[in-house]
C-alpha atoms as a PDB file:
ATOM      1  CA  UNK A   1     120.828  48.959  60.090  1.00  0.00           C
ATOM      2  CA  UNK A   2     120.399  49.691  63.801  1.00  0.00           C
ATOM      3  CA  UNK A   3     116.647  50.058  63.352  1.00  0.00           C
ATOM      4  CA  UNK A   4     116.389  46.567  61.881  1.00  0.00           C
ATOM      5  CA  UNK A   5     118.526  44.958  64.589  1.00  0.00           C
ATOM      6  CA  UNK A   6     117.235  43.642  67.912  1.00  0.00           C
ATOM      7  CA  UNK A   7     118.220  45.427  71.119  1.00  0.00           C
ATOM      8  CA  UNK A   8     120.735  42.716  72.003  1.00  0.00           C
ATOM      9  CA  UNK A   9     122.266  42.960  68.509  1.00  0.00           C
ATOM     10  CA  UNK A  10     122.511  46.744  68.826  1.00  0.00           C
ATOM     11  CA  UNK A  11     124.241  46.389  72.181  1.00  0.00           C
ATOM     12  CA  UNK A  12     126.686  43.874  70.725  1.00  0.00           C
ATOM     13  CA  UNK A  13     127.442  46.161  67.760  1.00  0.00           C
ATOM     14  CA  UNK A  14     128.198  49.033  70.150  1.00  0.00           C
ATOM     15  CA  UNK A  15     130.414  46.814  72.320  1.00  0.00           C
ATOM     16  CA  UNK A  16     132.294  45.517  69.262  1.00  0.00           C
ATOM     17  CA  UNK A  17     132.827  49.092  68.049  1.00  0.00           C
ATOM     18  CA  UNK A  18     134.103  50.281  71.424  1.00  0.00           C
ATOM     19  CA  UNK A  19     136.401  47.271  71.718  1.00  0.00           C
ATOM     20  CA  UNK A  20     137.747  47.859  68.216  1.00  0.00           C
ATOM     21  CA  UNK A  21     138.577  51.479  69.038  1.00  0.00           C
ATOM     22  CA  UNK A  22     140.256  50.589  72.332  1.00  0.00           C
ATOM     23  CA  UNK A  23     142.241  47.856  70.579  1.00  0.00           C
ATOM     24  CA  UNK A  24     143.569  50.414  68.072  1.00  0.00           C
ATOM     25  CA  UNK A  25     144.470  52.688  70.990  1.00  0.00           C
ATOM     26  CA  UNK A  26     146.377  49.841  72.670  1.00  0.00           C
ATOM     27  CA  UNK A  27     148.272  49.072  69.453  1.00  0.00           C
ATOM     28  CA  UNK A  28     149.243  52.752  69.179  1.00  0.00           C
ATOM     29  CA  UNK A  29     150.475  52.716  72.770  1.00  0.00           C
ATOM     30  CA  UNK A  30     152.562  49.604  72.082  1.00  0.00           C
ATOM     31  CA  UNK A  31     154.124  51.240  69.034  1.00  0.00           C
ATOM     32  CA  UNK A  32     155.018  54.299  71.100  1.00  0.00           C
ATOM     33  CA  UNK A  33     156.258  52.587  74.250  1.00  0.00           C
ATOM     34  CA  UNK A  34     157.618  49.107  73.593  1.00  0.00           C
ATOM     35  CA  UNK A  35     161.281  48.510  72.823  1.00  0.00           C
ATOM     36  CA  UNK A  36     162.485  45.574  70.703  1.00  0.00           C
ATOM     37  CA  UNK A  37     164.831  44.491  73.497  1.00  0.00           C
ATOM     38  CA  UNK A  38     164.325  41.440  75.708  1.00  0.00           C
ATOM     39  CA  UNK A  39     162.035  41.529  78.732  1.00  0.00           C
ATOM     40  CA  UNK A  40     163.428  42.391  82.158  1.00  0.00           C
ATOM     41  CA  UNK A  41     162.116  41.390  85.605  1.00  0.00           C
ATOM     42  CA  UNK A  42     160.131  44.133  87.292  1.00  0.00           C
ATOM     43  CA  UNK A  43     162.304  43.662  90.403  1.00  0.00           C
ATOM     44  CA  UNK A  44     165.139  45.393  88.574  1.00  0.00           C
ATOM     45  CA  UNK A  45     163.257  48.675  88.397  1.00  0.00           C
ATOM     46  CA  UNK A  46     163.935  51.263  91.070  1.00  0.00           C
ATOM     47  CA  UNK A  47     160.297  51.870  91.854  1.00  0.00           C
ATOM     48  CA  UNK A  48     159.724  48.209  92.799  1.00  0.00           C
ATOM     49  CA  UNK A  49     162.178  48.565  95.691  1.00  0.00           C
ATOM     50  CA  UNK A  50     160.468  51.592  97.152  1.00  0.00           C
ATOM     51  CA  UNK A  51     158.087  50.953 100.040  1.00  0.00           C
ATOM     52  CA  UNK A  52     154.670  52.298  98.951  1.00  0.00           C
ATOM     53  CA  UNK A  53     152.442  54.200 101.311  1.00  0.00           C
ATOM     54  CA  UNK A  54     149.549  52.003 102.407  1.00  0.00           C
ATOM     55  CA  UNK A  55     145.920  53.039 102.369  1.00  0.00           C
ATOM     56  CA  UNK A  56     143.086  52.053 104.637  1.00  0.00           C
ATOM     57  CA  UNK A  57     142.112  49.423 102.067  1.00  0.00           C
ATOM     58  CA  UNK A  58     145.501  47.723 102.470  1.00  0.00           C
ATOM     59  CA  UNK A  59     145.101  47.639 106.239  1.00  0.00           C
ATOM     60  CA  UNK A  60     141.680  46.050 105.793  1.00  0.00           C
ATOM     61  CA  UNK A  61     142.853  43.379 103.381  1.00  0.00           C
ATOM     62  CA  UNK A  62     146.168  42.788 105.161  1.00  0.00           C
ATOM     63  CA  UNK A  63     149.727  42.725 103.824  1.00  0.00           C
ATOM     64  CA  UNK A  64     150.116  41.394 100.329  1.00  0.00           C
ATOM     65  CA  UNK A  65     152.985  38.977  99.910  1.00  0.00           C
ATOM     66  CA  UNK A  66     155.284  39.574  96.985  1.00  0.00           C
ATOM     67  CA  UNK A  67     154.985  36.721  94.486  1.00  0.00           C
ATOM     68  CA  UNK A  68     157.873  34.306  94.439  1.00  0.00           C
ATOM     69  CA  UNK A  69     158.084  34.433  90.655  1.00  0.00           C
ATOM     70  CA  UNK A  70     159.002  37.958  89.632  1.00  0.00           C
ATOM     71  CA  UNK A  71     156.630  39.078  86.894  1.00  0.00           C
ATOM     72  CA  UNK A  72     158.220  40.066  83.649  1.00  0.00           C
ATOM     73  CA  UNK A  73     157.557  43.550  82.316  1.00  0.00           C
ATOM     74  CA  UNK A  74     158.521  44.655  78.798  1.00  0.00           C
ATOM     75  CA  UNK A  75     161.051  47.439  78.672  1.00  0.00           C
ATOM     76  CA  UNK A  76     159.356  50.675  77.726  1.00  0.00           C
ATOM     77  CA  UNK A  77     160.740  53.947  76.497  1.00  0.00           C
ATOM     78  CA  UNK A  78     161.504  56.405  79.273  1.00  0.00           C
ATOM     79  CA  UNK A  79     158.832  58.907  78.336  1.00  0.00           C
ATOM     80  CA  UNK A  80     157.124  61.255  80.755  1.00  0.00           C
ATOM     81  CA  UNK A  81     153.350  61.370  80.834  1.00  0.00           C
ATOM     82  CA  UNK A  82     153.459  64.644  78.909  1.00  0.00           C
ATOM     83  CA  UNK A  83     155.735  63.207  76.219  1.00  0.00           C
ATOM     84  CA  UNK A  84     153.624  60.069  75.894  1.00  0.00           C
ATOM     85  CA  UNK A  85     150.447  62.128  75.686  1.00  0.00           C
ATOM     86  CA  UNK A  86     151.858  64.210  72.829  1.00  0.00           C
ATOM     87  CA  UNK A  87     152.960  61.120  70.896  1.00  0.00           C
ATOM     88  CA  UNK A  88     149.514  59.583  71.321  1.00  0.00           C
ATOM     89  CA  UNK A  89     147.978  62.769  69.914  1.00  0.00           C
ATOM     90  CA  UNK A  90     150.273  62.473  66.898  1.00  0.00           C
ATOM     91  CA  UNK A  91     149.143  58.857  66.442  1.00  0.00           C
ATOM     92  CA  UNK A  92     145.345  59.042  66.914  1.00  0.00           C
ATOM     93  CA  UNK A  93     144.616  62.755  66.533  1.00  0.00           C
ATOM     94  CA  UNK A  94     143.795  63.661  70.145  1.00  0.00           C
ATOM     95  CA  UNK A  95     144.808  63.240  73.765  1.00  0.00           C
ATOM     96  CA  UNK A  96     143.626  64.473  77.171  1.00  0.00           C
ATOM     97  CA  UNK A  97     144.905  67.088  79.603  1.00  0.00           C
ATOM     98  CA  UNK A  98     143.970  68.373  83.057  1.00  0.00           C
ATOM     99  CA  UNK A  99     143.521  72.110  83.454  1.00  0.00           C
ATOM    100  CA  UNK A 100     141.402  74.437  85.605  1.00  0.00           C
ATOM    101  CA  UNK A 101     137.804  73.885  84.568  1.00  0.00           C
ATOM    102  CA  UNK A 102     135.849  76.494  82.644  1.00  0.00           C
ATOM    103  CA  UNK A 103     132.737  75.724  84.715  1.00  0.00           C
ATOM    104  CA  UNK A 104     131.939  78.985  86.554  1.00  0.00           C
ATOM    105  CA  UNK A 105     131.809  77.508  90.038  1.00  0.00           C
ATOM    106  CA  UNK A 106     134.450  77.383  92.765  1.00  0.00           C
ATOM    107  CA  UNK A 107     134.017  73.630  93.278  1.00  0.00           C
ATOM    108  CA  UNK A 108     134.664  72.790  89.612  1.00  0.00           C
ATOM    109  CA  UNK A 109     138.393  72.361  90.292  1.00  0.00           C
ATOM    110  CA  UNK A 110     140.338  70.504  87.623  1.00  0.00           C
ATOM    111  CA  UNK A 111     138.630  69.917  84.294  1.00  0.00           C
ATOM    112  CA  UNK A 112     139.255  67.316  81.607  1.00  0.00           C
ATOM    113  CA  UNK A 113     140.197  68.789  78.230  1.00  0.00           C
ATOM    114  CA  UNK A 114     140.495  67.146  74.840  1.00  0.00           C
ATOM    115  CA  UNK A 115     143.514  68.364  72.885  1.00  0.00           C
ATOM    116  CA  UNK A 116     143.085  67.769  69.164  1.00  0.00           C
ATOM    117  CA  UNK A 117     140.030  66.552  67.270  1.00  0.00           C
ATOM    118  CA  UNK A 118     137.731  63.571  67.857  1.00  0.00           C
ATOM    119  CA  UNK A 119     134.742  62.486  65.777  1.00  0.00           C
ATOM    120  CA  UNK A 120     131.293  61.650  67.077  1.00  0.00           C
ATOM    121  CA  UNK A 121     131.319  58.119  68.492  1.00  0.00           C
ATOM    122  CA  UNK A 122     135.026  58.209  69.368  1.00  0.00           C
ATOM    123  CA  UNK A 123     136.185  56.718  72.670  1.00  0.00           C
ATOM    124  CA  UNK A 124     137.444  59.765  74.561  1.00  0.00           C
ATOM    125  CA  UNK A 125     138.429  58.341  77.940  1.00  0.00           C
ATOM    126  CA  UNK A 126     138.351  55.246  80.160  1.00  0.00           C
ATOM    127  CA  UNK A 127     137.173  55.325  83.783  1.00  0.00           C
ATOM    128  CA  UNK A 128     140.065  53.949  85.896  1.00  0.00           C
ATOM    129  CA  UNK A 129     140.216  52.426  89.351  1.00  0.00           C
ATOM    130  CA  UNK A 130     138.947  49.553  91.462  1.00  0.00           C
ATOM    131  CA  UNK A 131     135.819  47.700  90.325  1.00  0.00           C
ATOM    132  CA  UNK A 132     133.304  46.549  92.953  1.00  0.00           C
ATOM    133  CA  UNK A 133     130.450  44.195  92.115  1.00  0.00           C
ATOM    134  CA  UNK A 134     127.333  44.493  94.337  1.00  0.00           C
ATOM    135  CA  UNK A 135     128.611  41.524  96.358  1.00  0.00           C
ATOM    136  CA  UNK A 136     131.515  43.668  97.583  1.00  0.00           C
ATOM    137  CA  UNK A 137     129.818  47.014  98.217  1.00  0.00           C
ATOM    138  CA  UNK A 138     130.645  46.866 101.933  1.00  0.00           C
ATOM    139  CA  UNK A 139     134.372  46.947 101.118  1.00  0.00           C
ATOM    140  CA  UNK A 140     134.155  50.334  99.400  1.00  0.00           C
ATOM    141  CA  UNK A 141     136.016  52.796 101.681  1.00  0.00           C
ATOM    142  CA  UNK A 142     133.559  54.742 103.825  1.00  0.00           C
ATOM    143  CA  UNK A 143     130.716  52.225 103.450  1.00  0.00           C
ATOM    144  CA  UNK A 144     127.767  52.776 103.717  1.00  0.00           C
ATOM    145  CA  UNK A 145     128.199  56.521 102.991  1.00  0.00           C
ATOM    146  CA  UNK A 146     130.740  55.808 100.287  1.00  0.00           C
ATOM    147  CA  UNK A 147     130.255  59.083  98.429  1.00  0.00           C
ATOM    148  CA  UNK A 148     130.395  61.381 101.466  1.00  0.00           C
ATOM    149  CA  UNK A 149     133.987  62.468 100.764  1.00  0.00           C
ATOM    150  CA  UNK A 150     134.759  60.705  97.492  1.00  0.00           C
ATOM    151  CA  UNK A 151     133.606  62.394  94.260  1.00  0.00           C
ATOM    152  CA  UNK A 152     135.341  59.789  92.079  1.00  0.00           C
ATOM    153  CA  UNK A 153     132.758  56.986  92.278  1.00  0.00           C
ATOM    154  CA  UNK A 154     130.552  55.936  89.386  1.00  0.00           C
ATOM    155  CA  UNK A 155     127.930  53.196  88.937  1.00  0.00           C
ATOM    156  CA  UNK A 156     127.034  51.144  85.882  1.00  0.00           C
ATOM    157  CA  UNK A 157     123.459  50.106  85.133  1.00  0.00           C
ATOM    158  CA  UNK A 158     124.281  46.568  86.302  1.00  0.00           C
ATOM    159  CA  UNK A 159     125.221  47.879  89.750  1.00  0.00           C
ATOM    160  CA  UNK A 160     129.004  47.700  89.278  1.00  0.00           C
ATOM    161  CA  UNK A 161     130.774  50.549  91.107  1.00  0.00           C
ATOM    162  CA  UNK A 162     134.157  51.938  90.032  1.00  0.00           C
ATOM    163  CA  UNK A 163     136.285  53.895  92.510  1.00  0.00           C
ATOM    164  CA  UNK A 164     138.834  56.058  90.687  1.00  0.00           C
ATOM    165  CA  UNK A 165     140.226  57.697  93.837  1.00  0.00           C
ATOM    166  CA  UNK A 166     143.204  55.276  94.194  1.00  0.00           C
ATOM    167  CA  UNK A 167     144.223  55.853  90.560  1.00  0.00           C
ATOM    168  CA  UNK A 168     144.575  59.616  90.973  1.00  0.00           C
ATOM    169  CA  UNK A 169     145.950  61.174  87.814  1.00  0.00           C
ATOM    170  CA  UNK A 170     148.236  58.247  87.055  1.00  0.00           C
ATOM    171  CA  UNK A 171     151.950  57.880  87.564  1.00  0.00           C
ATOM    172  CA  UNK A 172     155.195  57.999  85.587  1.00  0.00           C
ATOM    173  CA  UNK A 173     155.782  54.326  84.932  1.00  0.00           C
ATOM    174  CA  UNK A 174     154.357  50.921  84.048  1.00  0.00           C
ATOM    175  CA  UNK A 175     154.013  49.063  87.331  1.00  0.00           C
ATOM    176  CA  UNK A 176     152.412  46.224  89.235  1.00  0.00           C
ATOM    177  CA  UNK A 177     149.354  48.080  90.564  1.00  0.00           C
ATOM    178  CA  UNK A 178     147.054  46.772  93.276  1.00  0.00           C
ATOM    179  CA  UNK A 179     145.132  49.930  94.176  1.00  0.00           C
ATOM    180  CA  UNK A 180     146.442  49.893  97.743  1.00  0.00           C
ATOM    181  CA  UNK A 181     148.891  52.795  97.507  1.00  0.00           C
ATOM    182  CA  UNK A 182     147.698  56.340  97.995  1.00  0.00           C
ATOM    183  CA  UNK A 183     147.941  58.679  95.004  1.00  0.00           C
ATOM    184  CA  UNK A 184     149.318  62.152  95.422  1.00  0.00           C
ATOM    185  CA  UNK A 185     146.624  64.643  96.380  1.00  0.00           C
ATOM    186  CA  UNK A 186     145.913  66.589  93.204  1.00  0.00           C
ATOM    187  CA  UNK A 187     145.704  70.390  93.541  1.00  0.00           C
ATOM    188  CA  UNK A 188     142.393  72.017  92.665  1.00  0.00           C
ATOM    189  CA  UNK A 189     140.764  68.636  92.146  1.00  0.00           C
ATOM    190  CA  UNK A 190     137.124  67.952  92.881  1.00  0.00           C
ATOM    191  CA  UNK A 191     136.619  67.338  96.564  1.00  0.00           C
ATOM    192  CA  UNK A 192     139.951  68.877  97.637  1.00  0.00           C
ATOM    193  CA  UNK A 193     138.147  71.716  99.360  1.00  0.00           C
ATOM    194  CA  UNK A 194     135.416  69.480 100.711  1.00  0.00           C
ATOM    195  CA  UNK A 195     137.214  67.622 103.486  1.00  0.00           C
ATOM    196  CA  UNK A 196     140.106  65.671 101.974  1.00  0.00           C
ATOM    197  CA  UNK A 197     141.732  65.403 105.419  1.00  0.00           C
ATOM    198  CA  UNK A 198     138.604  63.773 106.822  1.00  0.00           C
ATOM    199  CA  UNK A 199     138.491  61.451 103.802  1.00  0.00           C
ATOM    200  CA  UNK A 200     142.015  60.137 104.355  1.00  0.00           C
ATOM    201  CA  UNK A 201     141.290  59.655 108.070  1.00  0.00           C
ATOM    202  CA  UNK A 202     138.216  57.693 107.036  1.00  0.00           C
ATOM    203  CA  UNK A 203     140.307  55.499 104.733  1.00  0.00           C
ATOM    204  CA  UNK A 204     142.708  54.736 107.590  1.00  0.00           C
ATOM    205  CA  UNK A 205     140.011  52.975 109.630  1.00  0.00           C
ATOM    206  CA  UNK A 206     140.229  49.201 109.055  1.00  0.00           C
ATOM    207  CA  UNK A 207     137.055  47.487 107.906  1.00  0.00           C
ATOM    208  CA  UNK A 208     135.552  44.778 110.093  1.00  0.00           C
ATOM    209  CA  UNK A 209     135.315  42.038 107.475  1.00  0.00           C
ATOM    210  CA  UNK A 210     138.657  41.063 105.932  1.00  0.00           C
ATOM    211  CA  UNK A 211     137.476  38.832 103.108  1.00  0.00           C
ATOM    212  CA  UNK A 212     138.012  39.925  99.550  1.00  0.00           C
ATOM    213  CA  UNK A 213     140.909  41.985  98.329  1.00  0.00           C
ATOM    214  CA  UNK A 214     142.063  42.990  94.887  1.00  0.00           C
ATOM    215  CA  UNK A 215     144.836  41.394  92.912  1.00  0.00           C
ATOM    216  CA  UNK A 216     147.792  43.077  91.240  1.00  0.00           C
ATOM    217  CA  UNK A 217     148.073  43.753  87.528  1.00  0.00           C
ATOM    218  CA  UNK A 218     150.853  45.170  85.377  1.00  0.00           C
ATOM    219  CA  UNK A 219     149.274  48.443  84.236  1.00  0.00           C
ATOM    220  CA  UNK A 220     150.535  51.400  82.231  1.00  0.00           C
ATOM    221  CA  UNK A 221     150.086  54.223  84.745  1.00  0.00           C
ATOM    222  CA  UNK A 222     151.050  56.861  82.148  1.00  0.00           C
ATOM    223  CA  UNK A 223     147.880  56.051  80.196  1.00  0.00           C
ATOM    224  CA  UNK A 224     146.741  59.416  78.714  1.00  0.00           C
ATOM    225  CA  UNK A 225     143.098  58.291  78.362  1.00  0.00           C
ATOM    226  CA  UNK A 226     142.680  57.005  81.941  1.00  0.00           C
ATOM    227  CA  UNK A 227     141.249  60.313  83.131  1.00  0.00           C
ATOM    228  CA  UNK A 228     137.485  59.969  82.668  1.00  0.00           C
ATOM    229  CA  UNK A 229     136.884  60.686  86.371  1.00  0.00           C
ATOM    230  CA  UNK A 230     137.915  64.318  85.855  1.00  0.00           C
ATOM    231  CA  UNK A 231     135.084  65.104  83.416  1.00  0.00           C
ATOM    232  CA  UNK A 232     132.846  67.803  84.915  1.00  0.00           C
ATOM    233  CA  UNK A 233     129.083  68.219  84.729  1.00  0.00           C
ATOM    234  CA  UNK A 234     128.066  71.100  82.396  1.00  0.00           C
ATOM    235  CA  UNK A 235     126.932  74.370  83.899  1.00  0.00           C
ATOM    236  CA  UNK A 236     123.490  75.795  83.166  1.00  0.00           C
ATOM    237  CA  UNK A 237     123.148  76.574  79.472  1.00  0.00           C
ATOM    238  CA  UNK A 238     126.008  74.236  78.507  1.00  0.00           C
ATOM    239  CA  UNK A 239     125.536  70.919  76.717  1.00  0.00           C
ATOM    240  CA  UNK A 240     127.437  67.678  77.454  1.00  0.00           C
ATOM    241  CA  UNK A 241     129.661  66.380  74.656  1.00  0.00           C
ATOM    242  CA  UNK A 242     130.253  62.815  75.900  1.00  0.00           C
ATOM    243  CA  UNK A 243     128.128  60.001  77.289  1.00  0.00           C
ATOM    244  CA  UNK A 244     128.808  56.916  79.403  1.00  0.00           C
ATOM    245  CA  UNK A 245     129.205  53.587  77.633  1.00  0.00           C
ATOM    246  CA  UNK A 246     129.629  50.328  79.590  1.00  0.00           C
ATOM    247  CA  UNK A 247     132.623  48.358  78.336  1.00  0.00           C
ATOM    248  CA  UNK A 248     133.229  44.712  79.214  1.00  0.00           C
ATOM    249  CA  UNK A 249     136.898  44.132  78.533  1.00  0.00           C
ATOM    250  CA  UNK A 250     137.669  40.463  77.732  1.00  0.00           C
ATOM    251  CA  UNK A 251     140.567  39.360  79.943  1.00  0.00           C
ATOM    252  CA  UNK A 252     141.676  36.977  77.203  1.00  0.00           C
ATOM    253  CA  UNK A 253     143.145  40.015  75.393  1.00  0.00           C
ATOM    254  CA  UNK A 254     146.484  39.805  77.225  1.00  0.00           C
ATOM    255  CA  UNK A 255     148.313  42.301  75.011  1.00  0.00           C
ATOM    256  CA  UNK A 256     145.715  44.980  75.730  1.00  0.00           C
ATOM    257  CA  UNK A 257     145.582  44.405  79.484  1.00  0.00           C
ATOM    258  CA  UNK A 258     148.264  46.976  80.540  1.00  0.00           C
ATOM    259  CA  UNK A 259     146.162  49.775  79.020  1.00  0.00           C
ATOM    260  CA  UNK A 260     142.886  48.925  80.770  1.00  0.00           C
ATOM    261  CA  UNK A 261     143.293  50.942  84.007  1.00  0.00           C
ATOM    262  CA  UNK A 262     141.169  48.774  86.288  1.00  0.00           C
ATOM    263  CA  UNK A 263     141.393  45.897  88.724  1.00  0.00           C
ATOM    264  CA  UNK A 264     138.531  43.958  90.311  1.00  0.00           C
ATOM    265  CA  UNK A 265     137.972  43.799  94.049  1.00  0.00           C
ATOM    266  CA  UNK A 266     137.070  40.375  95.388  1.00  0.00           C
ATOM    267  CA  UNK A 267     137.591  36.791  94.445  1.00  0.00           C
ATOM    268  CA  UNK A 268     138.287  35.752  90.892  1.00  0.00           C
ATOM    269  CA  UNK A 269     134.978  33.872  90.737  1.00  0.00           C
ATOM    270  CA  UNK A 270     132.171  36.255  89.919  1.00  0.00           C
ATOM    271  CA  UNK A 271     129.248  36.331  92.349  1.00  0.00           C
ATOM    272  CA  UNK A 272     125.847  36.766  90.718  1.00  0.00           C
ATOM    273  CA  UNK A 273     123.632  39.336  92.390  1.00  0.00           C
ATOM    274  CA  UNK A 274     120.003  40.240  91.745  1.00  0.00           C
ATOM    275  CA  UNK A 275     118.327  43.491  92.750  1.00  0.00           C
ATOM    276  CA  UNK A 276     115.021  43.637  94.591  1.00  0.00           C
ATOM    277  CA  UNK A 277     113.974  47.232  95.199  1.00  0.00           C
ATOM    278  CA  UNK A 278     116.935  49.013  96.806  1.00  0.00           C
ATOM    279  CA  UNK A 279     118.684  45.814  97.900  1.00  0.00           C
ATOM    280  CA  UNK A 280     121.045  43.333  96.211  1.00  0.00           C
ATOM    281  CA  UNK A 281     121.011  39.615  97.001  1.00  0.00           C
ATOM    282  CA  UNK A 282     123.267  36.726  95.999  1.00  0.00           C
ATOM    283  CA  UNK A 283     121.714  34.726  93.183  1.00  0.00           C
ATOM    284  CA  UNK A 284     123.701  31.634  92.358  1.00  0.00           C
ATOM    285  CA  UNK A 285     127.390  31.774  91.481  1.00  0.00           C
ATOM    286  CA  UNK A 286     129.213  32.521  88.302  1.00  0.00           C
ATOM    287  CA  UNK A 287     127.904  34.348  85.259  1.00  0.00           C
ATOM    288  CA  UNK A 288     127.872  31.386  82.914  1.00  0.00           C
ATOM    289  CA  UNK A 289     130.073  33.282  80.473  1.00  0.00           C
ATOM    290  CA  UNK A 290     133.077  31.407  79.136  1.00  0.00           C
ATOM    291  CA  UNK A 291     135.078  34.643  78.782  1.00  0.00           C
ATOM    292  CA  UNK A 292     136.049  36.516  81.977  1.00  0.00           C
ATOM    293  CA  UNK A 293     135.651  40.277  81.672  1.00  0.00           C
ATOM    294  CA  UNK A 294     136.436  43.504  83.488  1.00  0.00           C
ATOM    295  CA  UNK A 295     133.276  45.599  83.782  1.00  0.00           C
ATOM    296  CA  UNK A 296     134.480  49.128  83.212  1.00  0.00           C
ATOM    297  CA  UNK A 297     133.243  52.318  81.498  1.00  0.00           C
ATOM    298  CA  UNK A 298     134.271  54.538  78.609  1.00  0.00           C
ATOM    299  CA  UNK A 299     133.300  58.075  77.663  1.00  0.00           C
ATOM    300  CA  UNK A 300     132.124  58.331  74.052  1.00  0.00           C
ATOM    301  CA  UNK A 301     131.784  61.576  72.078  1.00  0.00           C
ATOM    302  CA  UNK A 302     128.178  62.550  71.283  1.00  0.00           C
ATOM    303  CA  UNK A 303     129.378  65.102  68.722  1.00  0.00           C
ATOM    304  CA  UNK A 304     132.630  66.172  67.115  1.00  0.00           C
ATOM    305  CA  UNK A 305     134.974  67.635  69.759  1.00  0.00           C
ATOM    306  CA  UNK A 306     137.883  69.980  69.084  1.00  0.00           C
ATOM    307  CA  UNK A 307     140.216  71.490  71.709  1.00  0.00           C
ATOM    308  CA  UNK A 308     137.574  71.885  74.422  1.00  0.00           C
ATOM    309  CA  UNK A 309     136.546  70.730  77.872  1.00  0.00           C
ATOM    310  CA  UNK A 310     134.967  67.288  78.146  1.00  0.00           C
ATOM    311  CA  UNK A 311     131.515  67.551  79.775  1.00  0.00           C
ATOM    312  CA  UNK A 312     129.438  64.641  81.073  1.00  0.00           C
ATOM    313  CA  UNK A 313     125.834  64.724  82.281  1.00  0.00           C
ATOM    314  CA  UNK A 314     126.095  63.328  85.831  1.00  0.00           C
ATOM    315  CA  UNK A 315     122.347  62.570  85.946  1.00  0.00           C
ATOM    316  CA  UNK A 316     122.156  62.880  89.736  1.00  0.00           C
ATOM    317  CA  UNK A 317     119.047  61.529  91.419  1.00  0.00           C
ATOM    318  CA  UNK A 318     116.247  64.087  91.692  1.00  0.00           C
ATOM    319  CA  UNK A 319     114.898  62.286  94.758  1.00  0.00           C
ATOM    320  CA  UNK A 320     117.837  63.428  96.883  1.00  0.00           C
ATOM    321  CA  UNK A 321     119.349  66.797  97.707  1.00  0.00           C
ATOM    322  CA  UNK A 322     121.705  67.766  94.906  1.00  0.00           C
ATOM    323  CA  UNK A 323     124.801  70.014  95.134  1.00  0.00           C
ATOM    324  CA  UNK A 324     124.295  73.732  94.542  1.00  0.00           C
ATOM    325  CA  UNK A 325     126.493  73.573  91.446  1.00  0.00           C
ATOM    326  CA  UNK A 326     124.315  70.896  89.796  1.00  0.00           C
ATOM    327  CA  UNK A 327     122.083  72.120  86.988  1.00  0.00           C
ATOM    328  CA  UNK A 328     119.980  69.354  85.392  1.00  0.00           C
ATOM    329  CA  UNK A 329     120.519  68.841  81.678  1.00  0.00           C
ATOM    330  CA  UNK A 330     117.276  66.875  81.340  1.00  0.00           C
ATOM    331  CA  UNK A 331     115.059  66.303  84.394  1.00  0.00           C
ATOM    332  CA  UNK A 332     113.138  63.549  82.627  1.00  0.00           C
ATOM    333  CA  UNK A 333     116.349  61.688  81.805  1.00  0.00           C
ATOM    334  CA  UNK A 334     117.454  61.969  85.441  1.00  0.00           C
ATOM    335  CA  UNK A 335     114.093  60.570  86.520  1.00  0.00           C
ATOM    336  CA  UNK A 336     114.364  57.610  84.139  1.00  0.00           C
ATOM    337  CA  UNK A 337     117.890  56.871  85.337  1.00  0.00           C
ATOM    338  CA  UNK A 338     116.796  56.526  88.950  1.00  0.00           C
ATOM    339  CA  UNK A 339     113.229  55.214  88.589  1.00  0.00           C
END
């Protein structure tokens, strides 16, 4: 069937399949977490009264005023992340866990492990964090050397960048998340031994231009699948078991929104950008699409996976100096990615 379909039809079939899987995941999460009781204002929760630590991004954007109308959050069962993860495994057959990586290199740090069984084509994880379109690249912390001390950045083919650093490994509640609070530093995580102190000092420097900013969304921070940024690159002789798949989440799906672990940086109106060589330029305004979307990423299994570490081919550019731990899976594929 795929062979007879046009490229655009194939892409739409893949997107529909990914969306269908993520929708089933969201329904499972609702069944596990939601209580039949009436909604309560978020202001009544203890965590809403705590003063969050502010990051360099919050200093750049400026203080965010608390909305006058307290958002309403459904009461959820008081489950820890571990308890929720186990219940999700019982519901869909697998979940994710963070453990010391099996990659034989000292910089491997924490690895992402699938607990249970997943079939080929299954959505394994979602890449969390703040989404930057090319129009807002200069607001990425550390710009222009954004990846100097941040190993949790990833780029889609359309130029969208996702920064998972503010998400960390999640939290123990459903909360109004704006990406401005600092996550706890995770032990043995990638980059921890490569200058985390310098990174946080870098974040504390306010940016010159104060336009932009990201809004707040009620997100489930206990999300067991919001850990794609911990997937390691395979060592020499090892084969990746997942691949990147762009996922445009339709914001009209309100019931699913708490389980999509992303927020967009910038104004609500999308700015069209076009690439010429290595540079991006504004090209009109608005995408012309009637349905607003969040441009995020999912990791999809390329084979059946059972109780093993999740490995992703990073496909680093072969035109630049690569880390000593990087062993190309396919040099030709890397070349095509960056040509």
